Amino acid sequence: MDVKTIGVVAVILLLAAGGLAFFLQPTTTANPSLPGFTAQNVSLRALATGLYDKDVIRIKAGIPVEFSFSADPESYCGTVLWIPEFNVKLESLKGETQTATFTPKKPGEYAYRCPMNMFRGKIIAE
């Protein structure tokens, strides 16, 4: 075999291996007992400016969400996060990260806010 033929065969083998690896990747599923289970990881930070770093968060309905929250200590009421529909209350008084896990069962919009409703945002489950 000449060098050009060996190069062509090598490229074909690499492409085939890459395609096989793509199709064998685990998929995201809402059943934690299945291999390849993953949760949706979301992070949110309350800023000293009086806003969250994200005012809209998009997720998939039916898949668990691992929601991490932290707050600048100077964000006052923003150091507490409420997500009423999922019974989530997280408090980050010194900038530490707090985490809650929940699963939105159906598509829709779900509010998150501080106790005084000054910091506001929404989760859109699709």
Foldseek 3Di string as FASTA:
>chain_A
DDPVVVVVVVVVVVVVVVVVVVVPQADEDQDVVDPPHDAAEEEWEAELVQEIPDQEAEEAASHKYKYKYFYDLNNVLRQWKDFPVFRDIHGHNHGDIDIDMDGHHDFDKTKMAGPVRSYIHIYTHD
